[in-house]
């Protein structure tokens, strides 16, 4: 987890700046997982806020959540094949 000091960015450039920063986390996590023989699945959330003075929405931050799993957890393991399929839908 990392927290940055707020940085002044124009509202028009905020989404690109936050997305780019979060994508760095995704790449770093994927590289770290690969080095350890694992897979990384990341989800990026971009936060929005409203200016109390003008009512304009703006991007106020982002968060990357990552789950690490073993590359071999399912592949080649006949005992678990089909356990993750919902046939009731």
PDB file of N, CA and C in Angstrom:
ATOM      1  N   UNK A   1       0.844  -1.164   0.000  1.00  0.00           N
ATOM      2  CA  UNK A   1       0.000   0.000   0.000  1.00  0.00           C
ATOM      3  C   UNK A   1       0.891   1.230   0.000  1.00  0.00           C
ATOM      4  N   UNK A   2       0.520   2.205  -0.810  1.00  0.00           N
ATOM      5  CA  UNK A   2       1.293   3.444  -0.833  1.00  0.00           C
ATOM      6  C   UNK A   2       0.331   4.617  -0.832  1.00  0.00           C
ATOM      7  N   UNK A   3       0.725   5.642  -0.155  1.00  0.00           N
ATOM      8  CA  UNK A   3      -0.055   6.866  -0.133  1.00  0.00           C
ATOM      9  C   UNK A   3       0.840   7.981  -0.618  1.00  0.00           C
ATOM     10  N   UNK A   4       0.365   8.752  -1.567  1.00  0.00           N
ATOM     11  CA  UNK A   4       1.136   9.859  -2.083  1.00  0.00           C
ATOM     12  C   UNK A   4       0.581  11.156  -1.546  1.00  0.00           C
ATOM     13  N   UNK A   5       1.446  12.139  -1.463  1.00  0.00           N
ATOM     14  CA  UNK A   5       1.004  13.478  -1.144  1.00  0.00           C
ATOM     15  C   UNK A   5       0.221  13.990  -2.347  1.00  0.00           C
ATOM     16  N   UNK A   6      -0.845  14.700  -2.101  1.00  0.00           N
ATOM     17  CA  UNK A   6      -1.664  15.222  -3.193  1.00  0.00           C
ATOM     18  C   UNK A   6      -0.807  16.043  -4.146  1.00  0.00           C
ATOM     19  N   UNK A   7      -1.047  15.847  -5.429  1.00  0.00           N
ATOM     20  CA  UNK A   7      -0.316  16.556  -6.466  1.00  0.00           C
ATOM     21  C   UNK A   7      -1.303  17.376  -7.263  1.00  0.00           C
ATOM     22  N   UNK A   8      -0.946  18.619  -7.558  1.00  0.00           N
ATOM     23  CA  UNK A   8      -1.842  19.473  -8.334  1.00  0.00           C
ATOM     24  C   UNK A   8      -1.740  19.091  -9.812  1.00  0.00           C
ATOM     25  N   UNK A   9      -2.866  18.646 -10.355  1.00  0.00           N
ATOM     26  CA  UNK A   9      -2.964  18.264 -11.762  1.00  0.00           C
ATOM     27  C   UNK A   9      -4.234  18.899 -12.292  1.00  0.00           C
ATOM     28  N   UNK A  10      -4.201  19.359 -13.527  1.00  0.00           N
ATOM     29  CA  UNK A  10      -5.415  19.959 -14.093  1.00  0.00           C
ATOM     30  C   UNK A  10      -6.515  18.903 -14.154  1.00  0.00           C
ATOM     31  N   UNK A  11      -7.760  19.307 -13.957  1.00  0.00           N
ATOM     32  CA  UNK A  11      -8.866  18.342 -13.995  1.00  0.00           C
ATOM     33  C   UNK A  11      -8.932  17.563 -15.309  1.00  0.00           C
ATOM     34  N   UNK A  12      -8.532  18.191 -16.406  1.00  0.00           N
ATOM     35  CA  UNK A  12      -8.577  17.523 -17.703  1.00  0.00           C
ATOM     36  C   UNK A  12      -7.514  16.438 -17.833  1.00  0.00           C
ATOM     37  N   UNK A  13      -6.406  16.565 -17.090  1.00  0.00           N
ATOM     38  CA  UNK A  13      -5.306  15.596 -17.180  1.00  0.00           C
ATOM     39  C   UNK A  13      -5.314  14.591 -16.038  1.00  0.00           C
ATOM     40  N   UNK A  14      -6.204  14.774 -15.059  1.00  0.00           N
ATOM     41  CA  UNK A  14      -6.183  13.946 -13.848  1.00  0.00           C
ATOM     42  C   UNK A  14      -6.436  12.466 -14.137  1.00  0.00           C
ATOM     43  N   UNK A  15      -7.407  12.144 -14.980  1.00  0.00           N
ATOM     44  CA  UNK A  15      -7.704  10.738 -15.238  1.00  0.00           C
ATOM     45  C   UNK A  15      -6.500  10.035 -15.853  1.00  0.00           C
ATOM     46  N   UNK A  16      -5.871  10.672 -16.826  1.00  0.00           N
ATOM     47  CA  UNK A  16      -4.702  10.066 -17.479  1.00  0.00           C
ATOM     48  C   UNK A  16      -3.556   9.905 -16.492  1.00  0.00           C
ATOM     49  N   UNK A  17      -3.340  10.893 -15.633  1.00  0.00           N
ATOM     50  CA  UNK A  17      -2.243  10.823 -14.665  1.00  0.00           C
ATOM     51  C   UNK A  17      -2.475   9.715 -13.641  1.00  0.00           C
ATOM     52  N   UNK A  18      -3.679   9.628 -13.110  1.00  0.00           N
ATOM     53  CA  UNK A  18      -3.995   8.610 -12.107  1.00  0.00           C
ATOM     54  C   UNK A  18      -3.960   7.220 -12.741  1.00  0.00           C
ATOM     55  N   UNK A  19      -4.536   7.070 -13.915  1.00  0.00           N
ATOM     56  CA  UNK A  19      -4.541   5.779 -14.594  1.00  0.00           C
ATOM     57  C   UNK A  19      -3.121   5.307 -14.885  1.00  0.00           C
ATOM     58  N   UNK A  20      -2.285   6.218 -15.344  1.00  0.00           N
ATOM     59  CA  UNK A  20      -0.891   5.883 -15.638  1.00  0.00           C
ATOM     60  C   UNK A  20      -0.163   5.433 -14.381  1.00  0.00           C
ATOM     61  N   UNK A  21      -0.389   6.143 -13.286  1.00  0.00           N
ATOM     62  CA  UNK A  21       0.256   5.791 -12.019  1.00  0.00           C
ATOM     63  C   UNK A  21      -0.187   4.402 -11.541  1.00  0.00           C
ATOM     64  N   UNK A  22      -1.480   4.140 -11.607  1.00  0.00           N
ATOM     65  CA  UNK A  22      -1.990   2.842 -11.171  1.00  0.00           C
ATOM     66  C   UNK A  22      -1.497   1.719 -12.078  1.00  0.00           C
ATOM     67  N   UNK A  23      -1.352   2.005 -13.381  1.00  0.00           N
ATOM     68  CA  UNK A  23      -0.838   1.000 -14.306  1.00  0.00           C
ATOM     69  C   UNK A  23       0.600   0.620 -13.956  1.00  0.00           C
ATOM     70  N   UNK A  24       1.366   1.561 -13.404  1.00  0.00           N
ATOM     71  CA  UNK A  24       2.715   1.245 -12.924  1.00  0.00           C
ATOM     72  C   UNK A  24       2.650   0.177 -11.832  1.00  0.00           C
ATOM     73  N   UNK A  25       1.681   0.307 -10.922  1.00  0.00           N
ATOM     74  CA  UNK A  25       1.509  -0.697  -9.864  1.00  0.00           C
ATOM     75  C   UNK A  25       1.168  -2.058 -10.469  1.00  0.00           C
ATOM     76  N   UNK A  26       0.277  -2.071 -11.468  1.00  0.00           N
ATOM     77  CA  UNK A  26      -0.120  -3.323 -12.114  1.00  0.00           C
ATOM     78  C   UNK A  26       1.109  -3.997 -12.735  1.00  0.00           C
ATOM     79  N   UNK A  27       1.917  -3.230 -13.470  1.00  0.00           N
ATOM     80  CA  UNK A  27       3.117  -3.792 -14.110  1.00  0.00           C
ATOM     81  C   UNK A  27       4.106  -4.302 -13.066  1.00  0.00           C
ATOM     82  N   UNK A  28       4.337  -3.515 -12.012  1.00  0.00           N
ATOM     83  CA  UNK A  28       5.278  -3.933 -10.967  1.00  0.00           C
ATOM     84  C   UNK A  28       4.808  -5.206 -10.272  1.00  0.00           C
ATOM     85  N   UNK A  29       3.515  -5.296  -9.989  1.00  0.00           N
ATOM     86  CA  UNK A  29       2.974  -6.485  -9.329  1.00  0.00           C
ATOM     87  C   UNK A  29       3.072  -7.710 -10.231  1.00  0.00           C
ATOM     88  N   UNK A  30       2.811  -7.530 -11.531  1.00  0.00           N
ATOM     89  CA  UNK A  30       2.907  -8.645 -12.471  1.00  0.00           C
ATOM     90  C   UNK A  30       4.349  -9.123 -12.576  1.00  0.00           C
ATOM     91  N   UNK A  31       5.294  -8.197 -12.630  1.00  0.00           N
ATOM     92  CA  UNK A  31       6.711  -8.559 -12.702  1.00  0.00           C
ATOM     93  C   UNK A  31       7.145  -9.302 -11.447  1.00  0.00           C
ATOM     94  N   UNK A  32       6.727  -8.806 -10.290  1.00  0.00           N
ATOM     95  CA  UNK A  32       7.076  -9.448  -9.020  1.00  0.00           C
ATOM     96  C   UNK A  32       6.495 -10.864  -8.951  1.00  0.00           C
ATOM     97  N   UNK A  33       5.254 -11.016  -9.388  1.00  0.00           N
ATOM     98  CA  UNK A  33       4.622 -12.342  -9.382  1.00  0.00           C
ATOM     99  C   UNK A  33       5.362 -13.291 -10.312  1.00  0.00           C
ATOM    100  N   UNK A  34       5.712 -12.817 -11.497  1.00  0.00           N
ATOM    101  CA  UNK A  34       6.422 -13.650 -12.465  1.00  0.00           C
ATOM    102  C   UNK A  34       7.760 -14.123 -11.897  1.00  0.00           C
ATOM    103  N   UNK A  35       8.467 -13.228 -11.209  1.00  0.00           N
ATOM    104  CA  UNK A  35       9.750 -13.580 -10.601  1.00  0.00           C
ATOM    105  C   UNK A  35       9.599 -14.680  -9.553  1.00  0.00           C
ATOM    106  N   UNK A  36       8.422 -14.737  -8.920  1.00  0.00           N
ATOM    107  CA  UNK A  36       8.169 -15.728  -7.873  1.00  0.00           C
ATOM    108  C   UNK A  36       7.413 -16.945  -8.398  1.00  0.00           C
ATOM    109  N   UNK A  37       7.224 -17.023  -9.727  1.00  0.00           N
ATOM    110  CA  UNK A  37       6.523 -18.158 -10.319  1.00  0.00           C
ATOM    111  C   UNK A  37       5.032 -18.144 -10.055  1.00  0.00           C
ATOM    112  N   UNK A  38       4.461 -16.952  -9.914  1.00  0.00           N
ATOM    113  CA  UNK A  38       3.040 -16.817  -9.625  1.00  0.00           C
ATOM    114  C   UNK A  38       2.353 -15.988 -10.699  1.00  0.00           C
ATOM    115  N   UNK A  39       1.021 -15.863 -10.578  1.00  0.00           N
ATOM    116  CA  UNK A  39       0.230 -14.990 -11.434  1.00  0.00           C
ATOM    117  C   UNK A  39      -0.335 -13.869 -10.567  1.00  0.00           C
ATOM    118  N   UNK A  40      -0.414 -12.680 -11.133  1.00  0.00           N
ATOM    119  CA  UNK A  40      -1.008 -11.537 -10.442  1.00  0.00           C
ATOM    120  C   UNK A  40      -2.254 -11.102 -11.208  1.00  0.00           C
ATOM    121  N   UNK A  41      -3.365 -10.964 -10.501  1.00  0.00           N
ATOM    122  CA  UNK A  41      -4.600 -10.440 -11.086  1.00  0.00           C
ATOM    123  C   UNK A  41      -4.908  -9.135 -10.376  1.00  0.00           C
ATOM    124  N   UNK A  42      -4.873  -8.033 -11.123  1.00  0.00           N
ATOM    125  CA  UNK A  42      -5.045  -6.709 -10.518  1.00  0.00           C
ATOM    126  C   UNK A  42      -6.342  -6.056 -10.961  1.00  0.00           C
ATOM    127  N   UNK A  43      -6.916  -5.289 -10.065  1.00  0.00           N
ATOM    128  CA  UNK A  43      -8.096  -4.481 -10.337  1.00  0.00           C
ATOM    129  C   UNK A  43      -7.765  -3.047  -9.981  1.00  0.00           C
ATOM    130  N   UNK A  44      -8.033  -2.128 -10.887  1.00  0.00           N
ATOM    131  CA  UNK A  44      -7.762  -0.711 -10.654  1.00  0.00           C
ATOM    132  C   UNK A  44      -9.082   0.016 -10.463  1.00  0.00           C
ATOM    133  N   UNK A  45      -9.144   0.823  -9.409  1.00  0.00           N
ATOM    134  CA  UNK A  45     -10.313   1.654  -9.130  1.00  0.00           C
ATOM    135  C   UNK A  45      -9.885   3.112  -9.149  1.00  0.00           C
ATOM    136  N   UNK A  46     -10.572   3.923  -9.941  1.00  0.00           N
ATOM    137  CA  UNK A  46     -10.297   5.360  -9.993  1.00  0.00           C
ATOM    138  C   UNK A  46     -11.403   6.054  -9.209  1.00  0.00           C
ATOM    139  N   UNK A  47     -11.016   6.906  -8.247  1.00  0.00           N
ATOM    140  CA  UNK A  47     -11.984   7.589  -7.386  1.00  0.00           C
ATOM    141  C   UNK A  47     -12.351   8.959  -7.953  1.00  0.00           C
ATOM    142  N   UNK A  48     -13.612   9.306  -7.810  1.00  0.00           N
ATOM    143  CA  UNK A  48     -14.115  10.604  -8.247  1.00  0.00           C
ATOM    144  C   UNK A  48     -14.620  11.377  -7.029  1.00  0.00           C
ATOM    145  N   UNK A  49     -14.504  12.682  -7.085  1.00  0.00           N
ATOM    146  CA  UNK A  49     -15.029  13.566  -6.042  1.00  0.00           C
ATOM    147  C   UNK A  49     -15.724  14.744  -6.711  1.00  0.00           C
ATOM    148  N   UNK A  50     -16.466  15.494  -5.898  1.00  0.00           N
ATOM    149  CA  UNK A  50     -17.154  16.685  -6.395  1.00  0.00           C
ATOM    150  C   UNK A  50     -16.598  17.919  -5.692  1.00  0.00           C
ATOM    151  N   UNK A  51     -16.335  18.956  -6.451  1.00  0.00           N
ATOM    152  CA  UNK A  51     -15.884  20.219  -5.882  1.00  0.00           C
ATOM    153  C   UNK A  51     -17.068  20.851  -5.145  1.00  0.00           C
ATOM    154  N   UNK A  52     -16.912  21.143  -3.844  1.00  0.00           N
ATOM    155  CA  UNK A  52     -18.031  21.717  -3.095  1.00  0.00           C
ATOM    156  C   UNK A  52     -18.379  23.144  -3.537  1.00  0.00           C
ATOM    157  N   UNK A  53     -17.433  23.828  -4.165  1.00  0.00           N
ATOM    158  CA  UNK A  53     -17.675  25.212  -4.584  1.00  0.00           C
ATOM    159  C   UNK A  53     -18.394  25.309  -5.920  1.00  0.00           C
ATOM    160  N   UNK A  54     -17.932  24.519  -6.909  1.00  0.00           N
ATOM    161  CA  UNK A  54     -18.519  24.644  -8.249  1.00  0.00           C
ATOM    162  C   UNK A  54     -19.361  23.446  -8.660  1.00  0.00           C
ATOM    163  N   UNK A  55     -19.300  22.345  -7.896  1.00  0.00           N
ATOM    164  CA  UNK A  55     -20.082  21.160  -8.204  1.00  0.00           C
ATOM    165  C   UNK A  55     -19.536  20.320  -9.342  1.00  0.00           C
ATOM    166  N   UNK A  56     -18.331  20.625  -9.785  1.00  0.00           N
ATOM    167  CA  UNK A  56     -17.711  19.874 -10.891  1.00  0.00           C
ATOM    168  C   UNK A  56     -17.075  18.589 -10.373  1.00  0.00           C
ATOM    169  N   UNK A  57     -17.274  17.498 -11.095  1.00  0.00           N
ATOM    170  CA  UNK A  57     -16.648  16.237 -10.728  1.00  0.00           C
ATOM    171  C   UNK A  57     -15.202  16.203 -11.186  1.00  0.00           C
ATOM    172  N   UNK A  58     -14.361  15.517 -10.434  1.00  0.00           N
ATOM    173  CA  UNK A  58     -12.961  15.391 -10.807  1.00  0.00           C
ATOM    174  C   UNK A  58     -12.399  14.080 -10.267  1.00  0.00           C
ATOM    175  N   UNK A  59     -11.323  13.622 -10.877  1.00  0.00           N
ATOM    176  CA  UNK A  59     -10.641  12.409 -10.432  1.00  0.00           C
ATOM    177  C   UNK A  59      -9.803  12.777  -9.219  1.00  0.00           C
ATOM    178  N   UNK A  60     -10.021  12.056  -8.118  1.00  0.00           N
ATOM    179  CA  UNK A  60      -9.343  12.411  -6.870  1.00  0.00           C
ATOM    180  C   UNK A  60      -8.330  11.367  -6.410  1.00  0.00           C
ATOM    181  N   UNK A  61      -8.224  10.243  -7.118  1.00  0.00           N
ATOM    182  CA  UNK A  61      -7.241   9.241  -6.708  1.00  0.00           C
ATOM    183  C   UNK A  61      -7.505   7.900  -7.357  1.00  0.00           C
ATOM    184  N   UNK A  62      -6.681   6.935  -6.978  1.00  0.00           N
ATOM    185  CA  UNK A  62      -6.828   5.602  -7.532  1.00  0.00           C
ATOM    186  C   UNK A  62      -6.306   4.560  -6.569  1.00  0.00           C
ATOM    187  N   UNK A  63      -6.704   3.325  -6.807  1.00  0.00           N
ATOM    188  CA  UNK A  63      -6.285   2.216  -5.951  1.00  0.00           C
ATOM    189  C   UNK A  63      -6.126   0.974  -6.810  1.00  0.00           C
ATOM    190  N   UNK A  64      -5.036   0.252  -6.595  1.00  0.00           N
ATOM    191  CA  UNK A  64      -4.807  -1.016  -7.282  1.00  0.00           C
ATOM    192  C   UNK A  64      -4.846  -2.134  -6.257  1.00  0.00           C
ATOM    193  N   UNK A  65      -5.707  -3.115  -6.480  1.00  0.00           N
ATOM    194  CA  UNK A  65      -5.790  -4.301  -5.624  1.00  0.00           C
ATOM    195  C   UNK A  65      -5.285  -5.481  -6.431  1.00  0.00           C
ATOM    196  N   UNK A  66      -4.413  -6.288  -5.838  1.00  0.00           N
ATOM    197  CA  UNK A  66      -3.812  -7.409  -6.551  1.00  0.00           C
ATOM    198  C   UNK A  66      -3.936  -8.686  -5.743  1.00  0.00           C
ATOM    199  N   UNK A  67      -4.298  -9.769  -6.434  1.00  0.00           N
ATOM    200  CA  UNK A  67      -4.363 -11.099  -5.833  1.00  0.00           C
ATOM    201  C   UNK A  67      -3.310 -11.943  -6.528  1.00  0.00           C
ATOM    202  N   UNK A  68      -2.493 -12.625  -5.742  1.00  0.00           N
ATOM    203  CA  UNK A  68      -1.436 -13.481  -6.272  1.00  0.00           C
ATOM    204  C   UNK A  68      -1.869 -14.937  -6.140  1.00  0.00           C
ATOM    205  N   UNK A  69      -1.705 -15.705  -7.225  1.00  0.00           N
ATOM    206  CA  UNK A  69      -2.031 -17.124  -7.196  1.00  0.00           C
ATOM    207  C   UNK A  69      -0.893 -17.909  -7.839  1.00  0.00           C
ATOM    208  N   UNK A  70      -0.827 -19.167  -7.495  1.00  0.00           N
ATOM    209  CA  UNK A  70       0.176 -20.050  -8.069  1.00  0.00           C
ATOM    210  C   UNK A  70      -0.179 -20.314  -9.527  1.00  0.00           C
ATOM    211  N   UNK A  71       0.811 -20.328 -10.403  1.00  0.00           N
ATOM    212  CA  UNK A  71       0.562 -20.622 -11.816  1.00  0.00           C
ATOM    213  C   UNK A  71       0.041 -22.037 -12.000  1.00  0.00           C
ATOM    214  N   UNK A  72       0.422 -22.946 -11.114  1.00  0.00           N
ATOM    215  CA  UNK A  72       0.067 -24.350 -11.260  1.00  0.00           C
ATOM    216  C   UNK A  72      -1.100 -24.765 -10.386  1.00  0.00           C
ATOM    217  N   UNK A  73      -1.857 -23.821  -9.849  1.00  0.00           N
ATOM    218  CA  UNK A  73      -2.916 -24.173  -8.914  1.00  0.00           C
ATOM    219  C   UNK A  73      -4.023 -25.000  -9.556  1.00  0.00           C
ATOM    220  N   UNK A  74      -4.338 -24.776 -10.841  1.00  0.00           N
ATOM    221  CA  UNK A  74      -5.416 -25.509 -11.492  1.00  0.00           C
ATOM    222  C   UNK A  74      -4.879 -26.324 -12.668  1.00  0.00           C
ATOM    223  N   UNK A  75      -3.973 -25.749 -13.429  1.00  0.00           N
ATOM    224  CA  UNK A  75      -3.460 -26.415 -14.620  1.00  0.00           C
ATOM    225  C   UNK A  75      -2.868 -27.776 -14.263  1.00  0.00           C
ATOM    226  N   UNK A  76      -3.335 -28.805 -14.930  1.00  0.00           N
ATOM    227  CA  UNK A  76      -2.783 -30.134 -14.734  1.00  0.00           C
ATOM    228  C   UNK A  76      -3.331 -30.863 -13.522  1.00  0.00           C
ATOM    229  N   UNK A  77      -4.198 -30.247 -12.745  1.00  0.00           N
ATOM    230  CA  UNK A  77      -4.758 -30.891 -11.563  1.00  0.00           C
ATOM    231  C   UNK A  77      -6.172 -31.371 -11.902  1.00  0.00           C
ATOM    232  N   UNK A  78      -6.295 -32.645 -12.231  1.00  0.00           N
ATOM    233  CA  UNK A  78      -7.580 -33.207 -12.664  1.00  0.00           C
ATOM    234  C   UNK A  78      -8.637 -33.172 -11.564  1.00  0.00           C
ATOM    235  N   UNK A  79      -8.240 -33.124 -10.301  1.00  0.00           N
ATOM    236  CA  UNK A  79      -9.200 -33.155  -9.194  1.00  0.00           C
ATOM    237  C   UNK A  79     -10.057 -31.901  -9.110  1.00  0.00           C
ATOM    238  N   UNK A  80      -9.582 -30.782  -9.618  1.00  0.00           N
ATOM    239  CA  UNK A  80     -10.331 -29.538  -9.468  1.00  0.00           C
ATOM    240  C   UNK A  80     -10.970 -29.063 -10.763  1.00  0.00           C
ATOM    241  N   UNK A  81     -10.762 -29.776 -11.862  1.00  0.00           N
ATOM    242  CA  UNK A  81     -11.371 -29.358 -13.125  1.00  0.00           C
ATOM    243  C   UNK A  81     -12.890 -29.353 -12.998  1.00  0.00           C
ATOM    244  N   UNK A  82     -13.505 -28.241 -13.419  1.00  0.00           N
ATOM    245  CA  UNK A  82     -14.951 -28.114 -13.390  1.00  0.00           C
ATOM    246  C   UNK A  82     -15.500 -27.547 -12.093  1.00  0.00           C
ATOM    247  N   UNK A  83     -14.677 -27.404 -11.068  1.00  0.00           N
ATOM    248  CA  UNK A  83     -15.159 -26.880  -9.790  1.00  0.00           C
ATOM    249  C   UNK A  83     -15.496 -25.397  -9.855  1.00  0.00           C
ATOM    250  N   UNK A  84     -15.036 -24.697 -10.880  1.00  0.00           N
ATOM    251  CA  UNK A  84     -15.252 -23.265 -10.955  1.00  0.00           C
ATOM    252  C   UNK A  84     -16.239 -22.885 -12.052  1.00  0.00           C
ATOM    253  N   UNK A  85     -17.088 -23.788 -12.428  1.00  0.00           N
ATOM    254  CA  UNK A  85     -18.089 -23.558 -13.455  1.00  0.00           C
ATOM    255  C   UNK A  85     -19.461 -23.592 -12.805  1.00  0.00           C
ATOM    256  N   UNK A  86     -20.252 -22.531 -13.057  1.00  0.00           N
ATOM    257  CA  UNK A  86     -21.616 -22.454 -12.530  1.00  0.00           C
ATOM    258  C   UNK A  86     -22.580 -22.874 -13.635  1.00  0.00           C
ATOM    259  N   UNK A  87     -23.088 -24.114 -13.564  1.00  0.00           N
ATOM    260  CA  UNK A  87     -23.981 -24.607 -14.608  1.00  0.00           C
ATOM    261  C   UNK A  87     -25.458 -24.317 -14.303  1.00  0.00           C
ATOM    262  N   UNK A  88     -25.738 -23.626 -13.197  1.00  0.00           N
ATOM    263  CA  UNK A  88     -27.126 -23.315 -12.839  1.00  0.00           C
ATOM    264  C   UNK A  88     -27.625 -22.071 -13.538  1.00  0.00           C
ATOM    265  N   UNK A  89     -26.737 -21.319 -14.142  1.00  0.00           N
ATOM    266  CA  UNK A  89     -27.144 -20.044 -14.780  1.00  0.00           C
ATOM    267  C   UNK A  89     -27.907 -20.272 -16.050  1.00  0.00           C
TER     268      UNK A  89
END
